[in-house]
C-alpha atoms as a PDB file:
ATOM      1  CA  MET A   1      58.537  31.699  95.402  1.00  0.00           C
ATOM      2  CA  LYS A   2      58.920  29.510  92.314  1.00  0.00           C
ATOM      3  CA  VAL A   3      60.204  25.968  92.855  1.00  0.00           C
ATOM      4  CA  HIS A   4      61.701  24.086  89.939  1.00  0.00           C
ATOM      5  CA  HIS A   5      63.712  20.900  90.452  1.00  0.00           C
ATOM      6  CA  PRO A   6      63.102  18.911  87.231  1.00  0.00           C
ATOM      7  CA  VAL A   7      65.821  16.291  87.758  1.00  0.00           C
ATOM      8  CA  PHE A   8      65.141  15.784  91.455  1.00  0.00           C
ATOM      9  CA  ALA A   9      61.382  15.620  90.825  1.00  0.00           C
ATOM     10  CA  ARG A  10      61.807  12.661  88.487  1.00  0.00           C
ATOM     11  CA  VAL A  11      64.188  10.885  90.858  1.00  0.00           C
ATOM     12  CA  TYR A  12      61.797  11.571  93.750  1.00  0.00           C
ATOM     13  CA  GLU A  13      58.923  10.066  91.776  1.00  0.00           C
ATOM     14  CA  ARG A  14      60.780   6.775  91.336  1.00  0.00           C
ATOM     15  CA  VAL A  15      62.262   6.578  94.836  1.00  0.00           C
ATOM     16  CA  THR A  16      59.101   7.344  96.786  1.00  0.00           C
ATOM     17  CA  SER A  17      57.007   4.880  94.812  1.00  0.00           C
ATOM     18  CA  ALA A  18      59.501   2.129  95.642  1.00  0.00           C
ATOM     19  CA  LEU A  19      59.498   3.038  99.343  1.00  0.00           C
ATOM     20  CA  GLU A  20      55.739   2.552  99.665  1.00  0.00           C
ATOM     21  CA  ALA A  21      56.075  -1.228  99.595  1.00  0.00           C
ATOM     22  CA  LYS A  22      58.808  -1.090 102.233  1.00  0.00           C
ATOM     23  CA  GLY A  23      56.728   0.542 104.954  1.00  0.00           C
ATOM     24  CA  ALA A  24      55.932   4.106 103.902  1.00  0.00           C
ATOM     25  CA  ALA A  25      52.364   3.186 102.908  1.00  0.00           C
ATOM     26  CA  GLU A  26      51.651   1.940 106.443  1.00  0.00           C
ATOM     27  CA  HIS A  27      53.077   5.167 107.841  1.00  0.00           C
ATOM     28  CA  ARG A  28      50.684   7.154 105.638  1.00  0.00           C
ATOM     29  CA  ASP A  29      47.754   5.092 106.909  1.00  0.00           C
ATOM     30  CA  GLU A  30      48.763   5.908 110.471  1.00  0.00           C
ATOM     31  CA  LEU A  31      49.301   9.570 109.653  1.00  0.00           C
ATOM     32  CA  LEU A  32      45.843  10.075 108.178  1.00  0.00           C
ATOM     33  CA  ALA A  33      43.745   7.714 110.316  1.00  0.00           C
ATOM     34  CA  ASP A  34      40.424   9.118 111.584  1.00  0.00           C
ATOM     35  CA  LEU A  35      40.762  12.469 109.843  1.00  0.00           C
ATOM     36  CA  SER A  36      37.585  14.356 109.001  1.00  0.00           C
ATOM     37  CA  GLY A  37      36.475  17.663 107.547  1.00  0.00           C
ATOM     38  CA  ARG A  38      38.494  20.034 105.356  1.00  0.00           C
ATOM     39  CA  VAL A  39      42.216  19.316 105.086  1.00  0.00           C
ATOM     40  CA  ILE A  40      45.157  21.211 103.633  1.00  0.00           C
ATOM     41  CA  GLU A  41      48.224  19.209 102.636  1.00  0.00           C
ATOM     42  CA  VAL A  42      51.482  21.111 102.188  1.00  0.00           C
ATOM     43  CA  GLY A  43      54.007  19.778  99.701  1.00  0.00           C
ATOM     44  CA  ALA A  44      51.823  17.026  98.278  1.00  0.00           C
ATOM     45  CA  GLY A  45      54.563  15.711  95.981  1.00  0.00           C
ATOM     46  CA  THR A  46      53.200  13.086  93.606  1.00  0.00           C
ATOM     47  CA  GLY A  47      50.036  12.630  95.646  1.00  0.00           C
ATOM     48  CA  LEU A  48      51.013   9.453  97.459  1.00  0.00           C
ATOM     49  CA  ASN A  49      48.893  10.406 100.471  1.00  0.00           C
ATOM     50  CA  PHE A  50      45.712  10.801  98.452  1.00  0.00           C
ATOM     51  CA  GLY A  51      44.728   7.130  98.417  1.00  0.00           C
ATOM     52  CA  HIS A  52      45.066   6.934 102.208  1.00  0.00           C
ATOM     53  CA  TYR A  53      42.567   9.638 103.159  1.00  0.00           C
ATOM     54  CA  PRO A  54      39.570   8.252 105.066  1.00  0.00           C
ATOM     55  CA  HIS A  55      36.027   8.922 103.864  1.00  0.00           C
ATOM     56  CA  GLY A  56      35.349  11.318 106.745  1.00  0.00           C
ATOM     57  CA  VAL A  57      37.454  13.899 104.895  1.00  0.00           C
ATOM     58  CA  THR A  58      35.163  16.190 102.902  1.00  0.00           C
ATOM     59  CA  GLU A  59      37.844  18.031 100.924  1.00  0.00           C
ATOM     60  CA  VAL A  60      41.624  18.102 100.517  1.00  0.00           C
ATOM     61  CA  VAL A  61      43.438  21.154  99.197  1.00  0.00           C
ATOM     62  CA  ALA A  62      46.880  19.887  98.213  1.00  0.00           C
ATOM     63  CA  VAL A  63      49.591  22.505  97.722  1.00  0.00           C
ATOM     64  CA  GLU A  64      52.564  21.565  95.530  1.00  0.00           C
ATOM     65  CA  PRO A  65      54.971  24.161  94.090  1.00  0.00           C
ATOM     66  CA  GLU A  66      57.081  21.928  91.808  1.00  0.00           C
ATOM     67  CA  PRO A  67      55.479  21.735  88.309  1.00  0.00           C
ATOM     68  CA  HIS A  68      56.307  18.120  87.443  1.00  0.00           C
ATOM     69  CA  LEU A  69      55.240  16.812  90.848  1.00  0.00           C
ATOM     70  CA  ARG A  70      52.088  18.926  90.723  1.00  0.00           C
ATOM     71  CA  GLN A  71      51.148  17.364  87.382  1.00  0.00           C
ATOM     72  CA  LEU A  72      51.553  13.871  88.848  1.00  0.00           C
ATOM     73  CA  ALA A  73      49.557  14.865  91.933  1.00  0.00           C
ATOM     74  CA  ARG A  74      46.666  16.067  89.767  1.00  0.00           C
ATOM     75  CA  ALA A  75      46.602  12.688  88.026  1.00  0.00           C
ATOM     76  CA  ALA A  76      46.603  10.916  91.406  1.00  0.00           C
ATOM     77  CA  ALA A  77      43.777  13.150  92.643  1.00  0.00           C
ATOM     78  CA  ARG A  78      41.441  11.759  89.996  1.00  0.00           C
ATOM     79  CA  ASN A  79      41.577   8.340  91.680  1.00  0.00           C
ATOM     80  CA  ALA A  80      41.422   9.518  95.286  1.00  0.00           C
ATOM     81  CA  PRO A  81      38.580   8.266  97.516  1.00  0.00           C
ATOM     82  CA  VAL A  82      37.860  11.844  98.646  1.00  0.00           C
ATOM     83  CA  PRO A  83      37.695  15.172  96.737  1.00  0.00           C
ATOM     84  CA  VAL A  84      41.213  16.536  96.176  1.00  0.00           C
ATOM     85  CA  THR A  85      42.128  19.845  94.551  1.00  0.00           C
ATOM     86  CA  VAL A  86      45.808  20.290  93.710  1.00  0.00           C
ATOM     87  CA  VAL A  87      47.037  23.890  93.581  1.00  0.00           C
ATOM     88  CA  ASP A  88      50.286  25.744  93.066  1.00  0.00           C
ATOM     89  CA  GLY A  89      51.470  27.501  96.182  1.00  0.00           C
ATOM     90  CA  ASP A  90      54.239  28.328  98.621  1.00  0.00           C
ATOM     91  CA  ALA A  91      54.332  26.779 102.099  1.00  0.00           C
ATOM     92  CA  ALA A  92      55.291  30.183 103.494  1.00  0.00           C
ATOM     93  CA  ASP A  93      52.263  31.859 101.859  1.00  0.00           C
ATOM     94  CA  LEU A  94      49.417  29.356 101.710  1.00  0.00           C
ATOM     95  CA  PRO A  95      46.490  30.214  99.429  1.00  0.00           C
ATOM     96  CA  SER A  96      43.873  30.161 102.174  1.00  0.00           C
ATOM     97  CA  LYS A  97      41.949  32.301 104.614  1.00  0.00           C
ATOM     98  CA  ASN A  98      42.639  32.110 108.333  1.00  0.00           C
ATOM     99  CA  ALA A  99      41.247  29.077 110.225  1.00  0.00           C
ATOM    100  CA  ALA A 100      39.815  27.590 107.030  1.00  0.00           C
ATOM    101  CA  PHE A 101      40.769  23.957 107.688  1.00  0.00           C
ATOM    102  CA  ASP A 102      40.077  21.297 110.281  1.00  0.00           C
ATOM    103  CA  ALA A 103      43.508  19.760 109.784  1.00  0.00           C
ATOM    104  CA  GLY A 104      46.839  20.315 108.079  1.00  0.00           C
ATOM    105  CA  ILE A 105      49.187  17.641 106.762  1.00  0.00           C
ATOM    106  CA  ALA A 106      52.978  17.905 106.662  1.00  0.00           C
ATOM    107  CA  SER A 107      54.337  14.699 105.177  1.00  0.00           C
ATOM    108  CA  LEU A 108      58.049  14.550 104.360  1.00  0.00           C
ATOM    109  CA  VAL A 109      58.038  18.222 103.427  1.00  0.00           C
ATOM    110  CA  LEU A 110      59.219  20.219 106.459  1.00  0.00           C
ATOM    111  CA  CYS A 111      62.718  18.946 105.713  1.00  0.00           C
ATOM    112  CA  SER A 112      62.812  20.776 102.388  1.00  0.00           C
ATOM    113  CA  VAL A 113      60.816  24.003 102.693  1.00  0.00           C
ATOM    114  CA  PRO A 114      63.253  26.947 102.603  1.00  0.00           C
ATOM    115  CA  GLY A 115      61.786  28.432 105.771  1.00  0.00           C
ATOM    116  CA  GLN A 116      60.498  25.780 108.142  1.00  0.00           C
ATOM    117  CA  ALA A 117      59.348  28.288 110.764  1.00  0.00           C
ATOM    118  CA  GLY A 118      57.413  30.276 108.166  1.00  0.00           C
ATOM    119  CA  ALA A 119      55.691  27.155 106.850  1.00  0.00           C
ATOM    120  CA  LEU A 120      54.630  26.130 110.352  1.00  0.00           C
ATOM    121  CA  ASP A 121      53.389  29.640 111.083  1.00  0.00           C
ATOM    122  CA  GLU A 122      51.249  29.416 107.948  1.00  0.00           C
ATOM    123  CA  LEU A 123      49.855  26.034 108.980  1.00  0.00           C
ATOM    124  CA  TYR A 124      49.022  27.499 112.378  1.00  0.00           C
ATOM    125  CA  ARG A 125      47.208  30.343 110.620  1.00  0.00           C
ATOM    126  CA  VAL A 126      45.051  28.216 108.312  1.00  0.00           C
ATOM    127  CA  ILE A 127      44.150  25.459 110.816  1.00  0.00           C
ATOM    128  CA  ARG A 128      41.167  26.397 112.968  1.00  0.00           C
ATOM    129  CA  PRO A 129      41.502  26.538 116.755  1.00  0.00           C
ATOM    130  CA  GLY A 130      40.994  23.010 118.013  1.00  0.00           C
ATOM    131  CA  GLY A 131      42.129  21.577 114.683  1.00  0.00           C
ATOM    132  CA  GLU A 132      45.120  19.306 114.092  1.00  0.00           C
ATOM    133  CA  LEU A 133      48.462  19.228 112.404  1.00  0.00           C
ATOM    134  CA  ARG A 134      49.397  15.696 111.349  1.00  0.00           C
ATOM    135  CA  PHE A 135      53.122  15.287 110.741  1.00  0.00           C
ATOM    136  CA  TYR A 136      55.401  12.583 109.318  1.00  0.00           C
ATOM    137  CA  GLU A 137      58.968  13.846 108.943  1.00  0.00           C
ATOM    138  CA  HIS A 138      62.582  12.746 109.089  1.00  0.00           C
ATOM    139  CA  VAL A 139      64.449  14.696 111.752  1.00  0.00           C
ATOM    140  CA  LEU A 140      67.712  15.405 113.543  1.00  0.00           C
ATOM    141  CA  ALA A 141      69.029  12.306 115.303  1.00  0.00           C
ATOM    142  CA  LYS A 142      69.186  12.234 119.092  1.00  0.00           C
ATOM    143  CA  ASN A 143      72.453  10.328 118.986  1.00  0.00           C
ATOM    144  CA  PRO A 144      75.210  13.005 118.996  1.00  0.00           C
ATOM    145  CA  ARG A 145      77.499  11.174 116.568  1.00  0.00           C
ATOM    146  CA  TRP A 146      74.660  10.525 114.152  1.00  0.00           C
ATOM    147  CA  ALA A 147      73.560  14.160 114.427  1.00  0.00           C
ATOM    148  CA  THR A 148      77.113  15.315 113.692  1.00  0.00           C
ATOM    149  CA  CYS A 149      77.096  13.224 110.506  1.00  0.00           C
ATOM    150  CA  GLN A 150      73.803  14.824 109.513  1.00  0.00           C
ATOM    151  CA  HIS A 151      75.172  18.323 110.117  1.00  0.00           C
ATOM    152  CA  ARG A 152      78.293  17.626 108.058  1.00  0.00           C
ATOM    153  CA  ALA A 153      76.346  16.074 105.179  1.00  0.00           C
ATOM    154  CA  ALA A 154      73.631  18.739 105.116  1.00  0.00           C
ATOM    155  CA  PRO A 155      75.109  21.152 102.523  1.00  0.00           C
ATOM    156  CA  LEU A 156      75.721  18.462  99.887  1.00  0.00           C
ATOM    157  CA  TRP A 157      72.518  16.571 100.740  1.00  0.00           C
ATOM    158  CA  LYS A 158      70.524  19.765 100.299  1.00  0.00           C
ATOM    159  CA  ARG A 159      72.007  20.466  96.864  1.00  0.00           C
ATOM    160  CA  LEU A 160      71.382  16.937  95.612  1.00  0.00           C
ATOM    161  CA  GLY A 161      67.997  16.478  97.269  1.00  0.00           C
ATOM    162  CA  GLY A 162      65.954  19.386  96.002  1.00  0.00           C
ATOM    163  CA  GLY A 163      66.471  21.385  99.192  1.00  0.00           C
ATOM    164  CA  CYS A 164      66.020  18.469 101.605  1.00  0.00           C
ATOM    165  CA  THR A 165      67.850  19.168 104.873  1.00  0.00           C
ATOM    166  CA  PRO A 166      68.686  16.132 107.047  1.00  0.00           C
ATOM    167  CA  ASP A 167      69.349  17.883 110.366  1.00  0.00           C
ATOM    168  CA  ARG A 168      66.208  19.824 111.321  1.00  0.00           C
ATOM    169  CA  ASP A 169      64.720  19.564 114.807  1.00  0.00           C
ATOM    170  CA  THR A 170      61.170  19.570 113.491  1.00  0.00           C
ATOM    171  CA  ARG A 171      59.493  18.500 116.717  1.00  0.00           C
ATOM    172  CA  ALA A 172      60.891  21.568 118.475  1.00  0.00           C
ATOM    173  CA  ALA A 173      59.880  23.778 115.548  1.00  0.00           C
ATOM    174  CA  ILE A 174      56.273  22.541 115.780  1.00  0.00           C
ATOM    175  CA  ALA A 175      56.179  23.555 119.442  1.00  0.00           C
ATOM    176  CA  THR A 176      57.748  26.941 118.683  1.00  0.00           C
ATOM    177  CA  ALA A 177      54.962  27.600 116.173  1.00  0.00           C
ATOM    178  CA  GLY A 178      52.437  27.283 119.010  1.00  0.00           C
ATOM    179  CA  LEU A 179      51.090  23.844 118.134  1.00  0.00           C
ATOM    180  CA  GLU A 180      50.731  21.456 121.060  1.00  0.00           C
ATOM    181  CA  THR A 181      51.985  17.940 120.324  1.00  0.00           C
ATOM    182  CA  GLU A 182      49.558  15.298 121.579  1.00  0.00           C
ATOM    183  CA  GLN A 183      51.086  12.183 120.017  1.00  0.00           C
ATOM    184  CA  CYS A 184      54.553  11.643 118.628  1.00  0.00           C
ATOM    185  CA  ARG A 185      56.012   8.290 117.677  1.00  0.00           C
ATOM    186  CA  GLU A 186      59.737   8.118 117.006  1.00  0.00           C
ATOM    187  CA  LEU A 187      60.880   5.532 114.487  1.00  0.00           C
ATOM    188  CA  LEU A 188      63.853   4.584 112.346  1.00  0.00           C
ATOM    189  CA  PHE A 189      63.004   4.115 108.683  1.00  0.00           C
ATOM    190  CA  SER A 190      65.859   3.418 106.283  1.00  0.00           C
ATOM    191  CA  PRO A 191      64.584   1.053 103.592  1.00  0.00           C
ATOM    192  CA  THR A 192      67.626   1.722 101.373  1.00  0.00           C
ATOM    193  CA  TRP A 193      71.293   2.357 102.104  1.00  0.00           C
ATOM    194  CA  ALA A 194      70.941   5.922 100.799  1.00  0.00           C
ATOM    195  CA  ALA A 195      68.249   6.673 103.395  1.00  0.00           C
ATOM    196  CA  LYS A 196      70.330   5.782 106.463  1.00  0.00           C
ATOM    197  CA  LEU A 197      71.363   9.398 107.046  1.00  0.00           C
ATOM    198  CA  THR A 198      67.686  10.379 107.337  1.00  0.00           C
ATOM    199  CA  ALA A 199      66.437   7.294 109.171  1.00  0.00           C
ATOM    200  CA  PRO A 200      65.197   9.083 112.349  1.00  0.00           C
ATOM    201  CA  HIS A 201      61.534   9.988 111.817  1.00  0.00           C
ATOM    202  CA  ILE A 202      58.652  11.345 113.861  1.00  0.00           C
ATOM    203  CA  LEU A 203      54.985  10.611 113.195  1.00  0.00           C
ATOM    204  CA  GLY A 204      52.248  12.256 115.207  1.00  0.00           C
ATOM    205  CA  ARG A 205      49.593  14.848 115.872  1.00  0.00           C
ATOM    206  CA  ALA A 206      49.673  18.391 117.239  1.00  0.00           C
ATOM    207  CA  ARG A 207      46.702  20.532 118.238  1.00  0.00           C
ATOM    208  CA  HIS A 208      46.008  24.168 117.447  1.00  0.00           C
ATOM    209  CA  PRO A 209      45.098  25.462 120.918  1.00  0.00           C
END
């Protein structure tokens, strides 16, 4: 499936770069700490994770379907501390053989893929048994009133945000895909007023059994 959000992609580029200094960079360090082996990253965006990969990683295959973001990611890959190959691809149909990777990365992407369950099924397929899914995602709030606000805002938010959906229960979806969560830190991250609706985040690790 082709993805083309030229206006959102340029807004995303500016917003995410600004958020790094407000705490997102530390979250990426935590997300990728101690990784090793072959890694597939789904929805790489502009490549902001690339500089945070530890040297134990032998290869990163970074999948990004949006053309403008993919171009920026390829530029970022040239300065990465580990080998990174940026490819076009769909989260629901990853360009990989079964069990080809030691780890998969889902970083602020499971909110916007059209089919979250399909994307997680694909990650399950390409991560080897015993391998990891590392995830850093904004999610549905536990507070009922906050969750209601997210549900009500979701249609407009999705249209303006390149498909981003603020009210997904991603932790439950990871479990439904058959991945066993081993660590999961819940945090609130709203560095700007516009991000308050999506402040609830989870950051953790799940194992392919």
